PDB file of N, CA and C in Angstrom:
ATOM      1  N   UNK A   1       0.805  -1.177  -0.013  1.00  0.00           N
ATOM      2  CA  UNK A   1      -0.044   0.166   0.024  1.00  0.00           C
ATOM      3  C   UNK A   1       0.850   1.307   0.026  1.00  0.00           C
ATOM      4  N   UNK A   2       0.543   2.163  -0.868  1.00  0.00           N
ATOM      5  CA  UNK A   2       1.203   3.469  -0.999  1.00  0.00           C
ATOM      6  C   UNK A   2       1.052   4.529   0.182  1.00  0.00           C
ATOM      7  N   UNK A   3       1.983   5.076   0.753  1.00  0.00           N
ATOM      8  CA  UNK A   3       1.694   5.992   1.802  1.00  0.00           C
ATOM      9  C   UNK A   3       0.970   7.176   1.322  1.00  0.00           C
ATOM     10  N   UNK A   4      -0.091   7.487   2.037  1.00  0.00           N
ATOM     11  CA  UNK A   4      -1.046   8.438   1.618  1.00  0.00           C
ATOM     12  C   UNK A   4      -0.640   9.883   2.148  1.00  0.00           C
ATOM     13  N   UNK A   5      -1.016  10.780   1.492  1.00  0.00           N
ATOM     14  CA  UNK A   5      -0.788  12.295   1.871  1.00  0.00           C
ATOM     15  C   UNK A   5      -1.980  12.737   2.450  1.00  0.00           C
ATOM     16  N   UNK A   6      -1.846  13.729   3.178  1.00  0.00           N
ATOM     17  CA  UNK A   6      -3.104  14.343   3.930  1.00  0.00           C
ATOM     18  C   UNK A   6      -4.061  14.832   2.950  1.00  0.00           C
ATOM     19  N   UNK A   7      -3.687  15.394   1.921  1.00  0.00           N
ATOM     20  CA  UNK A   7      -4.603  16.070   0.842  1.00  0.00           C
ATOM     21  C   UNK A   7      -5.344  14.851   0.167  1.00  0.00           C
ATOM     22  N   UNK A   8      -4.731  13.750  -0.014  1.00  0.00           N
ATOM     23  CA  UNK A   8      -5.405  12.653  -0.578  1.00  0.00           C
ATOM     24  C   UNK A   8      -6.409  12.027   0.423  1.00  0.00           C
ATOM     25  N   UNK A   9      -6.018  12.036   1.684  1.00  0.00           N
ATOM     26  CA  UNK A   9      -6.816  11.466   2.746  1.00  0.00           C
ATOM     27  C   UNK A   9      -8.117  12.298   2.900  1.00  0.00           C
ATOM     28  N   UNK A  10      -7.990  13.599   2.809  1.00  0.00           N
ATOM     29  CA  UNK A  10      -9.226  14.477   2.981  1.00  0.00           C
ATOM     30  C   UNK A  10     -10.219  14.079   2.078  1.00  0.00           C
ATOM     31  N   UNK A  11     -10.023  13.680   0.904  1.00  0.00           N
ATOM     32  CA  UNK A  11     -10.895  13.385  -0.149  1.00  0.00           C
ATOM     33  C   UNK A  11     -11.850  12.168   0.152  1.00  0.00           C
ATOM     34  N   UNK A  12     -11.490  11.312   1.050  1.00  0.00           N
ATOM     35  CA  UNK A  12     -12.119  10.082   1.416  1.00  0.00           C
ATOM     36  C   UNK A  12     -13.305  10.424   2.398  1.00  0.00           C
ATOM     37  N   UNK A  13     -14.190   9.527   2.426  1.00  0.00           N
ATOM     38  CA  UNK A  13     -15.318   9.642   3.389  1.00  0.00           C
ATOM     39  C   UNK A  13     -14.783   8.950   4.609  1.00  0.00           C
ATOM     40  N   UNK A  14     -15.477   9.098   5.765  1.00  0.00           N
ATOM     41  CA  UNK A  14     -15.079   8.458   7.055  1.00  0.00           C
ATOM     42  C   UNK A  14     -15.089   6.954   6.832  1.00  0.00           C
ATOM     43  N   UNK A  15     -16.027   6.426   6.291  1.00  0.00           N
ATOM     44  CA  UNK A  15     -16.099   4.929   6.074  1.00  0.00           C
ATOM     45  C   UNK A  15     -14.812   4.543   5.186  1.00  0.00           C
ATOM     46  N   UNK A  16     -14.392   5.204   4.252  1.00  0.00           N
ATOM     47  CA  UNK A  16     -13.294   4.848   3.346  1.00  0.00           C
ATOM     48  C   UNK A  16     -12.053   4.925   4.307  1.00  0.00           C
ATOM     49  N   UNK A  17     -11.933   5.886   5.081  1.00  0.00           N
ATOM     50  CA  UNK A  17     -10.911   6.004   5.990  1.00  0.00           C
ATOM     51  C   UNK A  17     -10.832   4.958   6.947  1.00  0.00           C
ATOM     52  N   UNK A  18     -11.810   4.506   7.451  1.00  0.00           N
ATOM     53  CA  UNK A  18     -11.815   3.320   8.448  1.00  0.00           C
ATOM     54  C   UNK A  18     -11.375   2.194   7.759  1.00  0.00           C
ATOM     55  N   UNK A  19     -11.793   2.101   6.399  1.00  0.00           N
ATOM     56  CA  UNK A  19     -11.401   0.769   5.801  1.00  0.00           C
ATOM     57  C   UNK A  19      -9.832   0.842   5.466  1.00  0.00           C
ATOM     58  N   UNK A  20      -9.304   2.048   5.220  1.00  0.00           N
ATOM     59  CA  UNK A  20      -7.824   2.214   4.951  1.00  0.00           C
ATOM     60  C   UNK A  20      -7.029   1.935   6.306  1.00  0.00           C
ATOM     61  N   UNK A  21      -7.697   2.192   7.433  1.00  0.00           N
ATOM     62  CA  UNK A  21      -7.082   1.948   8.686  1.00  0.00           C
ATOM     63  C   UNK A  21      -6.957   0.540   8.888  1.00  0.00           C
ATOM     64  N   UNK A  22      -8.104  -0.106   8.651  1.00  0.00           N
ATOM     65  CA  UNK A  22      -8.150  -1.673   8.846  1.00  0.00           C
ATOM     66  C   UNK A  22      -7.116  -2.331   7.959  1.00  0.00           C
ATOM     67  N   UNK A  23      -6.944  -1.851   6.748  1.00  0.00           N
ATOM     68  CA  UNK A  23      -6.000  -2.480   5.793  1.00  0.00           C
ATOM     69  C   UNK A  23      -4.538  -2.071   6.187  1.00  0.00           C
ATOM     70  N   UNK A  24      -4.242  -1.009   6.740  1.00  0.00           N
ATOM     71  CA  UNK A  24      -2.921  -0.713   7.192  1.00  0.00           C
ATOM     72  C   UNK A  24      -2.564  -1.394   8.450  1.00  0.00           C
ATOM     73  N   UNK A  25      -3.546  -1.619   9.335  1.00  0.00           N
ATOM     74  CA  UNK A  25      -3.243  -2.362  10.443  1.00  0.00           C
ATOM     75  C   UNK A  25      -2.965  -3.780  10.118  1.00  0.00           C
ATOM     76  N   UNK A  26      -3.632  -4.447   9.271  1.00  0.00           N
ATOM     77  CA  UNK A  26      -3.343  -5.808   8.616  1.00  0.00           C
ATOM     78  C   UNK A  26      -1.961  -5.847   8.209  1.00  0.00           C
ATOM     79  N   UNK A  27      -1.599  -4.797   7.378  1.00  0.00           N
ATOM     80  CA  UNK A  27      -0.184  -4.748   6.779  1.00  0.00           C
ATOM     81  C   UNK A  27       0.892  -4.629   7.889  1.00  0.00           C
ATOM     82  N   UNK A  28       0.575  -3.760   8.831  1.00  0.00           N
ATOM     83  CA  UNK A  28       1.408  -3.519  10.017  1.00  0.00           C
ATOM     84  C   UNK A  28       1.710  -4.892  10.805  1.00  0.00           C
ATOM     85  N   UNK A  29       0.594  -5.599  11.037  1.00  0.00           N
ATOM     86  CA  UNK A  29       0.723  -6.905  11.769  1.00  0.00           C
ATOM     87  C   UNK A  29       1.417  -7.827  10.869  1.00  0.00           C
ATOM     88  N   UNK A  30       1.386  -8.008   9.578  1.00  0.00           N
ATOM     89  CA  UNK A  30       2.084  -8.708   8.759  1.00  0.00           C
ATOM     90  C   UNK A  30       3.571  -8.451   8.819  1.00  0.00           C
ATOM     91  N   UNK A  31       3.978  -7.164   8.762  1.00  0.00           N
ATOM     92  CA  UNK A  31       5.384  -6.733   8.960  1.00  0.00           C
ATOM     93  C   UNK A  31       5.936  -6.994  10.288  1.00  0.00           C
ATOM     94  N   UNK A  32       5.096  -6.885  11.253  1.00  0.00           N
ATOM     95  CA  UNK A  32       5.579  -7.152  12.691  1.00  0.00           C
ATOM     96  C   UNK A  32       5.891  -8.717  12.970  1.00  0.00           C
ATOM     97  N   UNK A  33       5.029  -9.456  12.271  1.00  0.00           N
ATOM     98  CA  UNK A  33       5.184 -10.959  12.378  1.00  0.00           C
ATOM     99  C   UNK A  33       6.512 -11.332  11.669  1.00  0.00           C
ATOM    100  N   UNK A  34       6.706 -10.657  10.424  1.00  0.00           N
ATOM    101  CA  UNK A  34       7.873 -11.030   9.789  1.00  0.00           C
ATOM    102  C   UNK A  34       9.273 -10.526  10.532  1.00  0.00           C
ATOM    103  N   UNK A  35       9.143  -9.469  11.162  1.00  0.00           N
ATOM    104  CA  UNK A  35      10.234  -8.914  11.908  1.00  0.00           C
ATOM    105  C   UNK A  35      10.460  -9.919  13.154  1.00  0.00           C
ATOM    106  N   UNK A  36       9.383 -10.324  13.782  1.00  0.00           N
ATOM    107  CA  UNK A  36       9.624 -11.101  15.099  1.00  0.00           C
ATOM    108  C   UNK A  36      10.066 -12.495  14.747  1.00  0.00           C
ATOM    109  N   UNK A  37       9.913 -12.933  13.543  1.00  0.00           N
ATOM    110  CA  UNK A  37      10.304 -14.322  13.167  1.00  0.00           C
ATOM    111  C   UNK A  37      11.882 -14.302  12.652  1.00  0.00           C
ATOM    112  N   UNK A  38      12.320 -13.091  12.702  1.00  0.00           N
ATOM    113  CA  UNK A  38      13.658 -12.921  12.231  1.00  0.00           C
ATOM    114  C   UNK A  38      13.940 -12.714  10.635  1.00  0.00           C
ATOM    115  N   UNK A  39      12.918 -12.542   9.947  1.00  0.00           N
ATOM    116  CA  UNK A  39      13.036 -12.091   8.639  1.00  0.00           C
ATOM    117  C   UNK A  39      13.485 -10.842   8.397  1.00  0.00           C
ATOM    118  N   UNK A  40      14.249 -10.629   7.430  1.00  0.00           N
ATOM    119  CA  UNK A  40      14.684  -9.318   6.941  1.00  0.00           C
ATOM    120  C   UNK A  40      13.516  -8.580   6.356  1.00  0.00           C
ATOM    121  N   UNK A  41      13.411  -7.247   6.807  1.00  0.00           N
ATOM    122  CA  UNK A  41      12.296  -6.601   6.168  1.00  0.00           C
ATOM    123  C   UNK A  41      12.586  -6.069   4.826  1.00  0.00           C
ATOM    124  N   UNK A  42      11.636  -6.040   3.871  1.00  0.00           N
ATOM    125  CA  UNK A  42      11.885  -5.546   2.467  1.00  0.00           C
ATOM    126  C   UNK A  42      12.243  -4.128   2.444  1.00  0.00           C
ATOM    127  N   UNK A  43      11.612  -3.346   3.293  1.00  0.00           N
ATOM    128  CA  UNK A  43      11.947  -1.927   3.414  1.00  0.00           C
ATOM    129  C   UNK A  43      11.974  -1.610   4.901  1.00  0.00           C
ATOM    130  N   UNK A  44      13.131  -1.192   5.452  1.00  0.00           N
ATOM    131  CA  UNK A  44      13.263  -1.016   6.814  1.00  0.00           C
ATOM    132  C   UNK A  44      12.410   0.111   7.378  1.00  0.00           C
ATOM    133  N   UNK A  45      12.168   1.010   6.647  1.00  0.00           N
ATOM    134  CA  UNK A  45      11.153   2.150   7.267  1.00  0.00           C
ATOM    135  C   UNK A  45       9.696   2.070   7.107  1.00  0.00           C
ATOM    136  N   UNK A  46       9.406   0.858   6.601  1.00  0.00           N
ATOM    137  CA  UNK A  46       7.915   0.584   6.199  1.00  0.00           C
ATOM    138  C   UNK A  46       7.081   0.614   7.387  1.00  0.00           C
ATOM    139  N   UNK A  47       7.548   0.055   8.564  1.00  0.00           N
ATOM    140  CA  UNK A  47       6.678   0.009   9.709  1.00  0.00           C
ATOM    141  C   UNK A  47       6.444   1.467  10.236  1.00  0.00           C
ATOM    142  N   UNK A  48       7.364   2.181  10.393  1.00  0.00           N
ATOM    143  CA  UNK A  48       7.341   3.526  10.665  1.00  0.00           C
ATOM    144  C   UNK A  48       6.335   4.380   9.871  1.00  0.00           C
ATOM    145  N   UNK A  49       6.441   4.165   8.460  1.00  0.00           N
ATOM    146  CA  UNK A  49       5.658   4.899   7.685  1.00  0.00           C
ATOM    147  C   UNK A  49       4.101   4.379   7.786  1.00  0.00           C
ATOM    148  N   UNK A  50       3.957   3.199   8.066  1.00  0.00           N
ATOM    149  CA  UNK A  50       2.510   2.785   8.229  1.00  0.00           C
ATOM    150  C   UNK A  50       1.859   3.310   9.472  1.00  0.00           C
ATOM    151  N   UNK A  51       2.691   3.383  10.453  1.00  0.00           N
ATOM    152  CA  UNK A  51       2.266   3.822  11.851  1.00  0.00           C
ATOM    153  C   UNK A  51       1.896   5.398  11.641  1.00  0.00           C
ATOM    154  N   UNK A  52       2.708   6.069  10.879  1.00  0.00           N
ATOM    155  CA  UNK A  52       2.484   7.519  10.704  1.00  0.00           C
ATOM    156  C   UNK A  52       1.248   7.714   9.901  1.00  0.00           C
ATOM    157  N   UNK A  53       1.015   6.902   8.807  1.00  0.00           N
ATOM    158  CA  UNK A  53      -0.157   7.012   8.019  1.00  0.00           C
ATOM    159  C   UNK A  53      -1.528   6.792   8.742  1.00  0.00           C
ATOM    160  N   UNK A  54      -1.285   5.802   9.613  1.00  0.00           N
ATOM    161  CA  UNK A  54      -2.585   5.524  10.417  1.00  0.00           C
ATOM    162  C   UNK A  54      -2.970   6.649  11.415  1.00  0.00           C
ATOM    163  N   UNK A  55      -1.801   7.208  11.930  1.00  0.00           N
ATOM    164  CA  UNK A  55      -2.028   8.396  12.985  1.00  0.00           C
ATOM    165  C   UNK A  55      -2.502   9.567  12.136  1.00  0.00           C
ATOM    166  N   UNK A  56      -1.979   9.761  10.829  1.00  0.00           N
ATOM    167  CA  UNK A  56      -2.556  10.846   9.946  1.00  0.00           C
ATOM    168  C   UNK A  56      -4.020  10.754   9.617  1.00  0.00           C
ATOM    169  N   UNK A  57      -4.416   9.579   9.390  1.00  0.00           N
ATOM    170  CA  UNK A  57      -5.906   9.316   8.950  1.00  0.00           C
ATOM    171  C   UNK A  57      -6.607   9.512  10.266  1.00  0.00           C
ATOM    172  N   UNK A  58      -6.353   8.999  11.495  1.00  0.00           N
ATOM    173  CA  UNK A  58      -7.138   9.186  12.627  1.00  0.00           C
ATOM    174  C   UNK A  58      -7.238  10.778  12.971  1.00  0.00           C
ATOM    175  N   UNK A  59      -6.084  11.417  12.720  1.00  0.00           N
ATOM    176  CA  UNK A  59      -6.245  12.880  12.922  1.00  0.00           C
ATOM    177  C   UNK A  59      -7.138  13.598  12.016  1.00  0.00           C
ATOM    178  N   UNK A  60      -7.165  13.225  10.869  1.00  0.00           N
ATOM    179  CA  UNK A  60      -8.204  13.827   9.839  1.00  0.00           C
ATOM    180  C   UNK A  60      -9.726  13.416  10.251  1.00  0.00           C
ATOM    181  N   UNK A  61      -9.796  12.087  10.679  1.00  0.00           N
ATOM    182  CA  UNK A  61     -11.071  11.757  11.175  1.00  0.00           C
ATOM    183  C   UNK A  61     -11.682  12.574  12.235  1.00  0.00           C
ATOM    184  N   UNK A  62     -10.697  12.789  13.217  1.00  0.00           N
ATOM    185  CA  UNK A  62     -11.033  13.614  14.341  1.00  0.00           C
ATOM    186  C   UNK A  62     -11.399  15.076  13.995  1.00  0.00           C
ATOM    187  N   UNK A  63     -10.557  15.666  13.091  1.00  0.00           N
ATOM    188  CA  UNK A  63     -10.891  16.992  12.618  1.00  0.00           C
ATOM    189  C   UNK A  63     -12.343  17.076  11.853  1.00  0.00           C
ATOM    190  N   UNK A  64     -12.588  16.089  11.124  1.00  0.00           N
ATOM    191  CA  UNK A  64     -13.987  16.149  10.337  1.00  0.00           C
ATOM    192  C   UNK A  64     -15.050  16.006  11.299  1.00  0.00           C
ATOM    193  N   UNK A  65     -14.915  15.072  12.436  1.00  0.00           N
ATOM    194  CA  UNK A  65     -15.885  14.977  13.385  1.00  0.00           C
ATOM    195  C   UNK A  65     -16.140  16.192  14.258  1.00  0.00           C
ATOM    196  N   UNK A  66     -14.945  16.902  14.534  1.00  0.00           N
ATOM    197  CA  UNK A  66     -15.076  18.135  15.321  1.00  0.00           C
ATOM    198  C   UNK A  66     -15.810  19.173  14.573  1.00  0.00           C
ATOM    199  N   UNK A  67     -15.514  19.236  13.172  1.00  0.00           N
ATOM    200  CA  UNK A  67     -16.026  20.220  12.334  1.00  0.00           C
ATOM    201  C   UNK A  67     -17.539  20.000  12.236  1.00  0.00           C
ATOM    202  N   UNK A  68     -17.910  18.761  12.245  1.00  0.00           N
ATOM    203  CA  UNK A  68     -19.359  18.350  12.129  1.00  0.00           C
ATOM    204  C   UNK A  68     -20.045  18.716  13.296  1.00  0.00           C
ATOM    205  N   UNK A  69     -19.532  18.560  14.537  1.00  0.00           N
ATOM    206  CA  UNK A  69     -20.090  18.991  15.702  1.00  0.00           C
ATOM    207  C   UNK A  69     -20.344  20.503  15.844  1.00  0.00           C
ATOM    208  N   UNK A  70     -19.297  21.361  15.364  1.00  0.00           N
ATOM    209  CA  UNK A  70     -19.336  22.747  15.474  1.00  0.00           C
ATOM    210  C   UNK A  70     -20.288  23.345  14.418  1.00  0.00           C
ATOM    211  N   UNK A  71     -20.594  22.622  13.363  1.00  0.00           N
ATOM    212  CA  UNK A  71     -21.257  23.192  12.299  1.00  0.00           C
ATOM    213  C   UNK A  71     -22.921  23.166  12.566  1.00  0.00           C
TER     214      UNK A  71
END
């Protein structure tokens, strides 16, 4: 999965964002299992980037929900 930019994420609906989070968490778990079994990661910075993308999506979801409450 490609790393998503904030501008790309903002175009998604909240349901689509939740689907992306689930997909990223599955990928993160797969990478973690690979790391814990002693396998060499295909891309050493991939775990960090996945975590950052998940946090970015969650931040944008919180922004949208706060905006909806204030509107």
